[in-house]
Amino acid sequence: KINNALGQVLLAKRMGKQRIIAETGAGQHGVA
């Protein structure tokens, strides 16, 4: 899950977003 979370955060920063939300089930995506 960390592969995608990292890529999307780098995109979000370039888009000027300062708040990130996510869903998680097993928690691995949430932790990432």
All heavy atoms as atom14 arrays in JSON, in Angstrom:
{
  "sequence": "KINNALGQVLLAKRMGKQRIIAETGAGQHGVA",
  "atom14_mask": [
    [1, 1, 1, 1, 1, 1, 1, 1, 1, 0, 0, 0, 0, 0],
    [1, 1, 1, 1, 1, 1, 1, 1, 0, 0, 0, 0, 0, 0],
    [1, 1, 1, 1, 1, 1, 1, 1, 0, 0, 0, 0, 0, 0],
    [1, 1, 1, 1, 1, 1, 1, 1, 0, 0, 0, 0, 0, 0],
    [1, 1, 1, 1, 1, 0, 0, 0, 0, 0, 0, 0, 0, 0],
    [1, 1, 1, 1, 1, 1, 1, 1, 0, 0, 0, 0, 0, 0],
    [1, 1, 1, 1, 0, 0, 0, 0, 0, 0, 0, 0, 0, 0],
    [1, 1, 1, 1, 1, 1, 1, 1, 1, 0, 0, 0, 0, 0],
    [1, 1, 1, 1, 1, 1, 1, 0, 0, 0, 0, 0, 0, 0],
    [1, 1, 1, 1, 1, 1, 1, 1, 0, 0, 0, 0, 0, 0],
    [1, 1, 1, 1, 1, 1, 1, 1, 0, 0, 0, 0, 0, 0],
    [1, 1, 1, 1, 1, 0, 0, 0, 0, 0, 0, 0, 0, 0],
    [1, 1, 1, 1, 1, 1, 1, 1, 1, 0, 0, 0, 0, 0],
    [1, 1, 1, 1, 1, 1, 1, 1, 1, 1, 1, 0, 0, 0],
    [1, 1, 1, 1, 1, 1, 1, 1, 0, 0, 0, 0, 0, 0],
    [1, 1, 1, 1, 0, 0, 0, 0, 0, 0, 0, 0, 0, 0],
    [1, 1, 1, 1, 1, 1, 1, 1, 1, 0, 0, 0, 0, 0],
    [1, 1, 1, 1, 1, 1, 1, 1, 1, 0, 0, 0, 0, 0],
    [1, 1, 1, 1, 1, 1, 1, 1, 1, 1, 1, 0, 0, 0],
    [1, 1, 1, 1, 1, 1, 1, 1, 0, 0, 0, 0, 0, 0],
    [1, 1, 1, 1, 1, 1, 1, 1, 0, 0, 0, 0, 0, 0],
    [1, 1, 1, 1, 1, 0, 0, 0, 0, 0, 0, 0, 0, 0],
    [1, 1, 1, 1, 1, 1, 1, 1, 1, 0, 0, 0, 0, 0],
    [1, 1, 1, 1, 1, 1, 1, 0, 0, 0, 0, 0, 0, 0],
    [1, 1, 1, 1, 0, 0, 0, 0, 0, 0, 0, 0, 0, 0],
    [1, 1, 1, 1, 1, 0, 0, 0, 0, 0, 0, 0, 0, 0],
    [1, 1, 1, 1, 0, 0, 0, 0, 0, 0, 0, 0, 0, 0],
    [1, 1, 1, 1, 1, 1, 1, 1, 1, 0, 0, 0, 0, 0],
    [1, 1, 1, 1, 1, 1, 1, 1, 1, 1, 0, 0, 0, 0],
    [1, 1, 1, 1, 0, 0, 0, 0, 0, 0, 0, 0, 0, 0],
    [1, 1, 1, 1, 1, 1, 1, 0, 0, 0, 0, 0, 0, 0],
    [1, 1, 1, 1, 1, 0, 0, 0, 0, 0, 0, 0, 0, 0]
  ],
  "atom14_positions": [
    [[0.81, -1.22, 0.0], [0.0, 0.0, 0.0], [0.84, 1.27, 0.0], [0.41, 2.31, -0.5], [-0.95, 0.01, 1.2], [-2.0, -1.1, 1.18], [-3.04, -0.87, 0.1], [-4.21, -1.85, 0.24], [-5.25, -1.63, -0.8], [0.0, 0.0, 0.0], [0.0, 0.0, 0.0], [0.0, 0.0, 0.0], [0.0, 0.0, 0.0], [0.0, 0.0, 0.0]],
    [[2.04, 1.22, 0.52], [2.91, 2.39, 0.62], [3.29, 2.92, -0.76], [3.5, 4.13, -0.94], [4.17, 2.07, 1.44], [5.01, 3.33, 1.73], [5.04, 1.01, 0.74], [4.45, 4.2, 2.77], [0.0, 0.0, 0.0], [0.0, 0.0, 0.0], [0.0, 0.0, 0.0], [0.0, 0.0, 0.0], [0.0, 0.0, 0.0], [0.0, 0.0, 0.0]],
    [[3.36, 2.04, -1.79], [3.72, 2.48, -3.13], [2.74, 3.54, -3.65], [3.13, 4.6, -4.13], [3.74, 1.29, -4.1], [4.62, 0.16, -3.66], [5.71, 0.38, -3.13], [4.18, -1.07, -3.86], [0.0, 0.0, 0.0], [0.0, 0.0, 0.0], [0.0, 0.0, 0.0], [0.0, 0.0, 0.0], [0.0, 0.0, 0.0], [0.0, 0.0, 0.0]],
    [[1.47, 3.23, -3.53], [0.42, 4.12, -4.01], [0.25, 5.35, -3.12], [0.09, 6.47, -3.61], [-0.9, 3.35, -4.09], [-2.11, 4.23, -4.33], [-2.21, 4.9, -5.35], [-3.03, 4.24, -3.37], [0.0, 0.0, 0.0], [0.0, 0.0, 0.0], [0.0, 0.0, 0.0], [0.0, 0.0, 0.0], [0.0, 0.0, 0.0], [0.0, 0.0, 0.0]],
    [[0.31, 5.16, -1.8], [0.16, 6.29, -0.88], [1.23, 7.33, -1.12], [0.96, 8.54, -1.13], [0.2, 5.8, 0.57], [0.0, 0.0, 0.0], [0.0, 0.0, 0.0], [0.0, 0.0, 0.0], [0.0, 0.0, 0.0], [0.0, 0.0, 0.0], [0.0, 0.0, 0.0], [0.0, 0.0, 0.0], [0.0, 0.0, 0.0], [0.0, 0.0, 0.0]],
    [[2.45, 6.88, -1.35], [3.55, 7.8, -1.61], [3.33, 8.56, -2.91], [3.47, 9.8, -2.95], [4.86, 7.02, -1.66], [6.14, 7.81, -1.89], [6.34, 8.83, -0.8], [7.34, 6.85, -1.96], [0.0, 0.0, 0.0], [0.0, 0.0, 0.0], [0.0, 0.0, 0.0], [0.0, 0.0, 0.0], [0.0, 0.0, 0.0], [0.0, 0.0, 0.0]],
    [[2.98, 7.86, -3.96], [2.75, 8.51, -5.25], [1.64, 9.55, -5.17], [1.77, 10.67, -5.69], [0.0, 0.0, 0.0], [0.0, 0.0, 0.0], [0.0, 0.0, 0.0], [0.0, 0.0, 0.0], [0.0, 0.0, 0.0], [0.0, 0.0, 0.0], [0.0, 0.0, 0.0], [0.0, 0.0, 0.0], [0.0, 0.0, 0.0], [0.0, 0.0, 0.0]],
    [[0.54, 9.21, -4.51], [-0.58, 10.14, -4.43], [-0.28, 11.36, -3.55], [-0.74, 12.46, -3.84], [-1.84, 9.42, -3.94], [-2.45, 8.48, -4.98], [-3.91, 8.23, -4.72], [-4.71, 9.14, -4.48], [-4.3, 6.96, -4.78], [0.0, 0.0, 0.0], [0.0, 0.0, 0.0], [0.0, 0.0, 0.0], [0.0, 0.0, 0.0], [0.0, 0.0, 0.0]],
    [[0.48, 11.18, -2.48], [0.84, 12.33, -1.65], [1.74, 13.29, -2.42], [1.59, 14.52, -2.31], [1.49, 11.87, -0.33], [2.34, 12.99, 0.28], [0.43, 11.45, 0.67], [0.0, 0.0, 0.0], [0.0, 0.0, 0.0], [0.0, 0.0, 0.0], [0.0, 0.0, 0.0], [0.0, 0.0, 0.0], [0.0, 0.0, 0.0], [0.0, 0.0, 0.0]],
    [[2.67, 12.76, -3.2], [3.5, 13.63, -4.02], [2.65, 14.42, -5.02], [2.91, 15.6, -5.27], [4.56, 12.81, -4.76], [5.64, 12.16, -3.89], [6.61, 11.37, -4.76], [6.39, 13.2, -3.07], [0.0, 0.0, 0.0], [0.0, 0.0, 0.0], [0.0, 0.0, 0.0], [0.0, 0.0, 0.0], [0.0, 0.0, 0.0], [0.0, 0.0, 0.0]],
    [[1.63, 13.78, -5.57], [0.71, 14.49, -6.45], [-0.08, 15.55, -5.69], [-0.23, 16.69, -6.15], [-0.28, 13.5, -7.1], [0.13, 12.8, -8.38], [-0.97, 11.85, -8.82], [0.4, 13.81, -9.49], [0.0, 0.0, 0.0], [0.0, 0.0, 0.0], [0.0, 0.0, 0.0], [0.0, 0.0, 0.0], [0.0, 0.0, 0.0], [0.0, 0.0, 0.0]],
    [[-0.6, 15.17, -4.52], [-1.41, 16.08, -3.73], [-0.63, 17.34, -3.36], [-1.16, 18.46, -3.39], [-1.92, 15.39, -2.47], [0.0, 0.0, 0.0], [0.0, 0.0, 0.0], [0.0, 0.0, 0.0], [0.0, 0.0, 0.0], [0.0, 0.0, 0.0], [0.0, 0.0, 0.0], [0.0, 0.0, 0.0], [0.0, 0.0, 0.0], [0.0, 0.0, 0.0]],
    [[0.63, 17.19, -3.02], [1.46, 18.35, -2.67], [1.61, 19.28, -3.86], [1.54, 20.51, -3.73], [2.83, 17.87, -2.18], [2.84, 17.37, -0.74], [4.23, 16.98, -0.31], [5.2, 18.17, -0.28], [4.85, 19.19, 0.75], [0.0, 0.0, 0.0], [0.0, 0.0, 0.0], [0.0, 0.0, 0.0], [0.0, 0.0, 0.0], [0.0, 0.0, 0.0]],
    [[1.79, 18.7, -5.04], [1.92, 19.53, -6.24], [0.6, 20.19, -6.61], [0.59, 21.22, -7.29], [2.45, 18.68, -7.4], [3.95, 18.41, -7.27], [4.41, 17.25, -8.17], [5.87, 17.18, -8.25], [6.64, 16.68, -7.31], [6.09, 16.2, -6.19], [7.95, 16.63, -7.46], [0.0, 0.0, 0.0], [0.0, 0.0, 0.0], [0.0, 0.0, 0.0]],
    [[-0.52, 19.62, -6.15], [-1.84, 20.21, -6.4], [-2.22, 21.23, -5.31], [-3.28, 21.83, -5.39], [-2.89, 19.11, -6.47], [-2.74, 18.19, -7.68], [-3.68, 16.63, -7.5], [-5.36, 17.25, -7.41], [0.0, 0.0, 0.0], [0.0, 0.0, 0.0], [0.0, 0.0, 0.0], [0.0, 0.0, 0.0], [0.0, 0.0, 0.0], [0.0, 0.0, 0.0]],
    [[-1.35, 21.39, -4.32], [-1.6, 22.37, -3.27], [-2.55, 21.9, -2.18], [-3.05, 22.72, -1.4], [0.0, 0.0, 0.0], [0.0, 0.0, 0.0], [0.0, 0.0, 0.0], [0.0, 0.0, 0.0], [0.0, 0.0, 0.0], [0.0, 0.0, 0.0], [0.0, 0.0, 0.0], [0.0, 0.0, 0.0], [0.0, 0.0, 0.0], [0.0, 0.0, 0.0]],
    [[-2.81, 20.61, -2.09], [-3.7, 20.08, -1.07], [-2.92, 19.86, 0.24], [-1.85, 19.28, 0.23], [-4.32, 18.75, -1.51], [-4.95, 18.79, -2.91], [-6.17, 19.67, -2.98], [-6.83, 19.56, -4.37], [-8.03, 20.41, -4.5], [0.0, 0.0, 0.0], [0.0, 0.0, 0.0], [0.0, 0.0, 0.0], [0.0, 0.0, 0.0], [0.0, 0.0, 0.0]],
    [[-3.49, 20.31, 1.34], [-2.83, 20.2, 2.64], [-3.53, 19.22, 3.58], [-3.04, 18.96, 4.68], [-2.76, 21.58, 3.31], [-1.85, 22.57, 2.59], [-0.41, 22.08, 2.56], [0.16, 21.65, 3.56], [0.2, 22.14, 1.37], [0.0, 0.0, 0.0], [0.0, 0.0, 0.0], [0.0, 0.0, 0.0], [0.0, 0.0, 0.0], [0.0, 0.0, 0.0]],
    [[-4.66, 18.7, 3.16], [-5.42, 17.75, 3.98], [-5.64, 16.48, 3.16], [-6.09, 16.54, 2.02], [-6.77, 18.35, 4.4], [-7.64, 17.43, 5.25], [-8.89, 18.19, 5.72], [-9.77, 17.37, 6.53], [-10.81, 16.67, 6.07], [-11.08, 16.69, 4.75], [-11.56, 15.95, 6.88], [0.0, 0.0, 0.0], [0.0, 0.0, 0.0], [0.0, 0.0, 0.0]],
    [[-5.34, 15.34, 3.78], [-5.45, 14.04, 3.12], [-6.46, 13.19, 3.87], [-6.42, 13.09, 5.1], [-4.09, 13.31, 3.09], [-3.02, 14.16, 2.4], [-4.23, 11.94, 2.41], [-3.27, 14.44, 0.94], [0.0, 0.0, 0.0], [0.0, 0.0, 0.0], [0.0, 0.0, 0.0], [0.0, 0.0, 0.0], [0.0, 0.0, 0.0], [0.0, 0.0, 0.0]],
    [[-7.36, 12.55, 3.13], [-8.27, 11.58, 3.73], [-8.09, 10.24, 3.03], [-7.64, 10.17, 1.88], [-9.75, 12.02, 3.65], [-10.19, 12.19, 2.19], [-9.97, 13.31, 4.43], [-11.68, 12.47, 2.03], [0.0, 0.0, 0.0], [0.0, 0.0, 0.0], [0.0, 0.0, 0.0], [0.0, 0.0, 0.0], [0.0, 0.0, 0.0], [0.0, 0.0, 0.0]],
    [[-8.43, 9.19, 3.74], [-8.33, 7.85, 3.18], [-9.3, 6.92, 3.9], [-9.71, 7.2, 5.02], [-6.9, 7.3, 3.29], [0.0, 0.0, 0.0], [0.0, 0.0, 0.0], [0.0, 0.0, 0.0], [0.0, 0.0, 0.0], [0.0, 0.0, 0.0], [0.0, 0.0, 0.0], [0.0, 0.0, 0.0], [0.0, 0.0, 0.0], [0.0, 0.0, 0.0]],
    [[-9.65, 5.84, 3.24], [-10.41, 4.76, 3.86], [-9.45, 3.61, 4.15], [-8.39, 3.5, 3.54], [-11.53, 4.28, 2.93], [-11.15, 3.22, 1.91], [-10.08, 3.65, 0.89], [-10.03, 4.86, 0.57], [-9.31, 2.79, 0.41], [0.0, 0.0, 0.0], [0.0, 0.0, 0.0], [0.0, 0.0, 0.0], [0.0, 0.0, 0.0], [0.0, 0.0, 0.0]],
    [[-9.81, 2.78, 5.09], [-9.0, 1.58, 5.31], [-9.85, 0.47, 5.89], [-10.82, 0.73, 6.61], [-7.78, 1.89, 6.22], [-6.82, 0.85, 6.1], [-8.2, 2.07, 7.67], [0.0, 0.0, 0.0], [0.0, 0.0, 0.0], [0.0, 0.0, 0.0], [0.0, 0.0, 0.0], [0.0, 0.0, 0.0], [0.0, 0.0, 0.0], [0.0, 0.0, 0.0]],
    [[-9.46, -0.78, 5.56], [-10.16, -1.95, 6.08], [-9.25, -2.68, 7.06], [-9.38, -2.57, 8.28], [0.0, 0.0, 0.0], [0.0, 0.0, 0.0], [0.0, 0.0, 0.0], [0.0, 0.0, 0.0], [0.0, 0.0, 0.0], [0.0, 0.0, 0.0], [0.0, 0.0, 0.0], [0.0, 0.0, 0.0], [0.0, 0.0, 0.0], [0.0, 0.0, 0.0]],
    [[-8.25, -3.37, 6.49], [-7.28, -4.06, 7.33], [-6.31, -3.1, 8.01], [-5.55, -3.49, 8.89], [-6.51, -5.08, 6.5], [0.0, 0.0, 0.0], [0.0, 0.0, 0.0], [0.0, 0.0, 0.0], [0.0, 0.0, 0.0], [0.0, 0.0, 0.0], [0.0, 0.0, 0.0], [0.0, 0.0, 0.0], [0.0, 0.0, 0.0], [0.0, 0.0, 0.0]],
    [[-6.35, -1.85, 7.58], [-5.49, -0.85, 8.21], [-4.19, -0.61, 7.49], [-3.49, 0.37, 7.79], [0.0, 0.0, 0.0], [0.0, 0.0, 0.0], [0.0, 0.0, 0.0], [0.0, 0.0, 0.0], [0.0, 0.0, 0.0], [0.0, 0.0, 0.0], [0.0, 0.0, 0.0], [0.0, 0.0, 0.0], [0.0, 0.0, 0.0], [0.0, 0.0, 0.0]],
    [[-3.83, -1.46, 6.53], [-2.54, -1.31, 5.87], [-2.49, -0.06, 5.0], [-1.47, 0.63, 4.96], [-2.22, -2.55, 5.03], [-2.01, -3.83, 5.84], [-0.76, -3.75, 6.72], [-0.73, -3.06, 7.73], [0.25, -4.45, 6.35], [0.0, 0.0, 0.0], [0.0, 0.0, 0.0], [0.0, 0.0, 0.0], [0.0, 0.0, 0.0], [0.0, 0.0, 0.0]],
    [[-3.58, 0.24, 4.3], [-3.63, 1.47, 3.52], [-3.67, 2.69, 4.45], [-3.03, 3.71, 4.18], [-4.84, 1.47, 2.59], [-5.01, 2.76, 1.83], [-4.03, 3.29, 1.02], [-6.05, 3.64, 1.77], [-4.44, 4.42, 0.5], [-5.66, 4.66, 0.95], [0.0, 0.0, 0.0], [0.0, 0.0, 0.0], [0.0, 0.0, 0.0], [0.0, 0.0, 0.0]],
    [[-4.41, 2.58, 5.54], [-4.45, 3.67, 6.5], [-3.08, 3.94, 7.11], [-2.67, 5.1, 7.25], [0.0, 0.0, 0.0], [0.0, 0.0, 0.0], [0.0, 0.0, 0.0], [0.0, 0.0, 0.0], [0.0, 0.0, 0.0], [0.0, 0.0, 0.0], [0.0, 0.0, 0.0], [0.0, 0.0, 0.0], [0.0, 0.0, 0.0], [0.0, 0.0, 0.0]],
    [[-2.36, 2.9, 7.48], [-1.02, 3.05, 8.03], [-0.09, 3.67, 7.0], [0.7, 4.57, 7.31], [-0.47, 1.7, 8.52], [1.03, 1.8, 8.84], [-1.23, 1.22, 9.75], [0.0, 0.0, 0.0], [0.0, 0.0, 0.0], [0.0, 0.0, 0.0], [0.0, 0.0, 0.0], [0.0, 0.0, 0.0], [0.0, 0.0, 0.0], [0.0, 0.0, 0.0]],
    [[-0.17, 3.2, 5.76], [0.68, 3.75, 4.71], [0.4, 5.23, 4.49], [1.32, 6.05, 4.36], [0.47, 2.98, 3.4], [0.0, 0.0, 0.0], [0.0, 0.0, 0.0], [0.0, 0.0, 0.0], [0.0, 0.0, 0.0], [0.0, 0.0, 0.0], [0.0, 0.0, 0.0], [0.0, 0.0, 0.0], [0.0, 0.0, 0.0], [0.0, 0.0, 0.0]]
  ]
}
